[in-house]
Protein backbone atom coordinates (compact mmCIF):
# COMPACT_ATOMS: atom_id res chain seq x y z
CA MET A 1 105.86 -10.64 -53.05
CA PHE A 2 104.74 -14.21 -53.37
CA SER A 3 105.19 -16.26 -56.42
CA PRO A 4 103.23 -19.41 -57.34
CA ARG A 5 106.31 -21.43 -56.35
CA ASP A 6 106.14 -20.06 -52.76
CA ILE A 7 102.72 -21.67 -52.10
CA ASP A 8 102.94 -25.33 -51.08
CA LEU A 9 99.64 -27.09 -51.82
CA GLN A 10 100.85 -30.62 -51.26
CA ASP A 11 99.71 -30.70 -47.60
CA VAL A 12 96.18 -29.50 -48.31
CA ASP A 13 93.46 -32.05 -47.55
CA TRP A 14 91.21 -31.35 -50.53
CA SER A 15 88.34 -33.47 -49.22
CA LYS A 16 88.12 -31.42 -46.01
CA LEU A 17 88.49 -28.17 -47.92
CA SER A 18 85.69 -29.04 -50.34
CA ALA A 19 83.50 -30.26 -47.44
CA ASN A 20 84.07 -26.98 -45.56
CA VAL A 21 83.29 -24.93 -48.66
CA MET A 22 80.11 -26.91 -49.33
CA SER A 23 79.07 -26.66 -45.66
CA HIS A 24 79.56 -22.88 -45.72
CA ILE A 25 77.56 -22.55 -48.96
CA LEU A 26 74.71 -24.72 -47.62
CA ARG A 27 74.58 -22.84 -44.31
CA SER A 28 74.52 -19.55 -46.15
CA HIS A 29 71.70 -20.65 -48.47
CA CYS A 30 69.72 -22.33 -45.67
CA ALA A 31 69.99 -19.19 -43.56
CA LYS A 32 68.74 -17.09 -46.47
CA LEU A 33 65.90 -19.53 -47.14
CA TRP A 34 64.91 -19.65 -43.46
CA GLY A 35 65.07 -15.86 -43.32
CA SER A 36 62.76 -15.63 -46.35
CA ILE A 37 60.28 -18.08 -44.84
CA LEU A 38 60.30 -16.27 -41.50
CA SER A 39 59.96 -12.89 -43.17
CA SER A 40 57.03 -14.10 -45.28
CA GLY A 41 55.33 -15.59 -42.23
CA LEU A 42 55.74 -12.39 -40.22
CA PHE A 43 54.45 -10.34 -43.16
CA ALA A 44 51.35 -12.59 -43.39
CA LEU A 45 50.71 -12.33 -39.64
CA THR A 46 51.08 -8.55 -39.78
CA GLU A 47 48.60 -8.36 -42.64
CA VAL A 48 46.11 -10.59 -40.79
CA ASN A 49 46.48 -8.40 -37.70
CA ASN A 50 45.95 -5.22 -39.73
CA TRP A 51 42.86 -6.74 -41.36
CA SER A 52 41.50 -7.76 -37.95
CA ILE A 53 41.96 -4.16 -36.76
CA ARG A 54 40.04 -2.83 -39.77
CA HIS A 55 37.34 -5.57 -39.61
CA PRO A 56 37.09 -6.76 -35.99
CA TYR A 57 33.61 -8.27 -36.22
CA LYS A 58 34.34 -10.19 -39.39
CA SER A 59 37.56 -11.58 -37.97
CA ALA A 60 35.91 -12.50 -34.66
CA GLY A 61 33.11 -14.18 -36.59
CA ALA A 62 35.61 -16.12 -38.69
CA LEU A 63 37.45 -17.27 -35.56
CA LEU A 64 34.19 -18.34 -33.92
CA LEU A 65 33.22 -20.29 -37.05
CA ILE A 66 36.59 -22.05 -37.07
CA SER A 67 36.12 -22.92 -33.42
CA ALA A 68 32.56 -24.15 -33.89
CA PHE A 69 33.61 -26.19 -36.92
CA GLU A 70 36.47 -27.84 -35.00
CA ASN A 71 34.45 -28.62 -31.89
CA PRO A 72 30.69 -27.89 -32.11
CA ALA A 73 29.97 -29.09 -28.58
CA MET A 74 32.36 -26.52 -27.17
CA LEU A 75 30.40 -23.68 -28.77
CA LEU A 76 27.60 -24.12 -26.25
CA THR A 77 29.94 -24.91 -23.39
CA LEU A 78 32.16 -21.86 -23.83
CA LEU A 79 29.22 -19.48 -24.10
CA GLN A 80 28.59 -20.10 -20.40
CA LEU A 81 31.08 -18.70 -17.91
CA THR A 82 31.15 -21.89 -15.85
CA GLY A 83 31.42 -23.91 -19.03
CA THR A 84 34.58 -22.04 -19.99
CA THR A 85 36.12 -22.73 -16.62
CA MET A 86 35.12 -26.39 -16.71
CA SER A 87 36.39 -26.84 -20.26
CA LEU A 88 39.75 -25.33 -19.39
CA CYS A 89 39.97 -27.46 -16.25
CA PHE A 90 39.28 -30.68 -18.14
CA LEU A 91 41.78 -29.98 -20.93
CA PRO A 92 44.70 -31.55 -18.99
CA VAL A 93 42.49 -34.57 -18.18
CA ARG A 94 41.70 -34.97 -21.87
CA LEU A 95 45.38 -34.75 -22.73
CA ILE A 96 46.23 -37.43 -20.15
CA ILE A 97 43.47 -39.78 -21.34
CA TRP A 98 44.61 -39.31 -24.94
CA HIS A 99 48.27 -39.83 -23.98
CA LEU A 100 47.44 -43.10 -22.19
CA GLY A 101 46.00 -44.42 -25.45
CA PHE A 102 42.24 -43.98 -25.14
CA GLY A 103 41.36 -42.47 -28.51
CA SER A 104 38.23 -41.67 -30.46
CA ARG A 105 38.45 -45.06 -32.24
CA GLY A 106 39.00 -47.04 -29.07
CA VAL A 107 42.21 -48.20 -27.43
CA GLU A 108 45.23 -47.24 -29.55
CA LYS A 109 47.50 -50.07 -30.69
CA GLY A 110 50.83 -50.23 -28.83
CA SER A 111 49.76 -47.78 -26.12
CA PHE A 112 49.83 -48.12 -22.34
CA ALA A 113 46.06 -48.74 -22.43
CA SER A 114 46.41 -51.62 -24.90
CA ARG A 115 49.16 -53.27 -22.83
CA TYR A 116 47.09 -52.87 -19.65
CA GLN A 117 44.01 -54.29 -21.34
CA SER A 118 45.85 -57.34 -22.68
CA ARG A 119 47.47 -58.08 -19.30
CA HIS A 120 44.42 -57.53 -17.07
CA TYR A 121 41.30 -58.07 -19.14
CA GLY A 122 42.15 -59.68 -22.46
CA GLY A 123 39.17 -59.16 -24.75
CA ASN A 124 36.55 -58.88 -21.99
CA VAL A 125 36.48 -55.52 -20.19
CA PRO A 126 34.00 -55.54 -17.28
CA ARG A 127 31.09 -53.13 -17.63
CA GLY A 128 31.38 -50.12 -15.34
CA SER A 129 35.09 -50.66 -14.60
CA GLY A 130 37.51 -47.76 -14.59
CA PHE A 131 39.02 -49.02 -17.83
CA ALA A 132 35.57 -49.10 -19.47
CA LYS A 133 34.88 -45.53 -18.32
CA LEU A 134 38.20 -44.33 -19.75
CA GLN A 135 37.37 -46.08 -23.03
CA SER A 136 34.03 -44.28 -23.08
CA TYR A 137 35.60 -40.88 -22.32
CA GLY A 138 38.25 -41.43 -24.97
CA ALA A 139 35.70 -42.42 -27.60
CA THR A 140 33.29 -39.55 -26.93
CA MET A 141 35.59 -36.64 -26.19
CA PRO A 142 36.73 -34.32 -28.95
CA THR A 143 40.26 -34.82 -30.16
CA VAL A 144 43.03 -32.90 -28.44
CA THR A 145 43.83 -31.04 -31.65
CA SER A 146 40.26 -29.90 -32.22
CA THR A 147 39.97 -28.84 -28.57
CA LEU A 148 43.15 -26.76 -28.77
CA VAL A 149 42.20 -25.20 -32.11
CA SER A 150 38.77 -24.40 -30.73
CA LEU A 151 40.14 -22.81 -27.54
CA LEU A 152 42.74 -20.79 -29.46
CA SER A 153 40.10 -19.58 -31.92
CA TYR A 154 37.85 -18.43 -29.08
CA ALA A 155 40.80 -16.73 -27.41
CA GLY A 156 41.57 -14.96 -30.70
CA ALA A 157 37.97 -13.76 -30.97
CA VAL A 158 38.10 -12.42 -27.40
CA ILE A 159 41.38 -10.62 -28.14
CA VAL A 160 40.03 -9.05 -31.35
CA LEU A 161 36.75 -7.96 -29.79
CA GLY A 162 38.45 -6.82 -26.58
CA ARG A 163 40.74 -4.61 -28.62
CA GLU A 164 37.75 -3.19 -30.51
CA TRP A 165 35.70 -2.58 -27.37
CA GLY A 166 38.62 -0.96 -25.52
CA TRP A 167 39.13 -3.63 -22.90
CA TRP A 168 42.87 -3.05 -23.23
CA LEU A 169 45.18 -0.65 -24.99
CA GLN A 170 45.39 -0.80 -28.75
């Protein structure tokens, strides 16, 4: 049997002990919170999937509306088989142009494109130059986000309708 006199607490580093206890409590609560968030998200996705099974045409219509709202020009392009292929082929090009700094509002501040422009052209970009063409593409192309949302919405509509029409197993 131990008595209170047998326990030596003089060598205990109380700051480390309290830090370890707090760390354990925080990890435990964060894990529970993350588990709740993940569980709620999975529940919501399951419910959306079940609703899309019960109402395939409504869900496909909603996805097509989201896609058309995000990128109206793509609605006409993706309705053509060659347009779909071309749109998918040009997605990496759009990403590269955007990443270089050619945005919908012109050359992005602090980007590679702005540094190149200041070193080679200053404020006067020659008409018809490669830089001018990239500026034009960047200003007229849909944003990367809207393009991705649009493509994913169309893909979702194809998946929902394909499931309804028996293109693959349910």
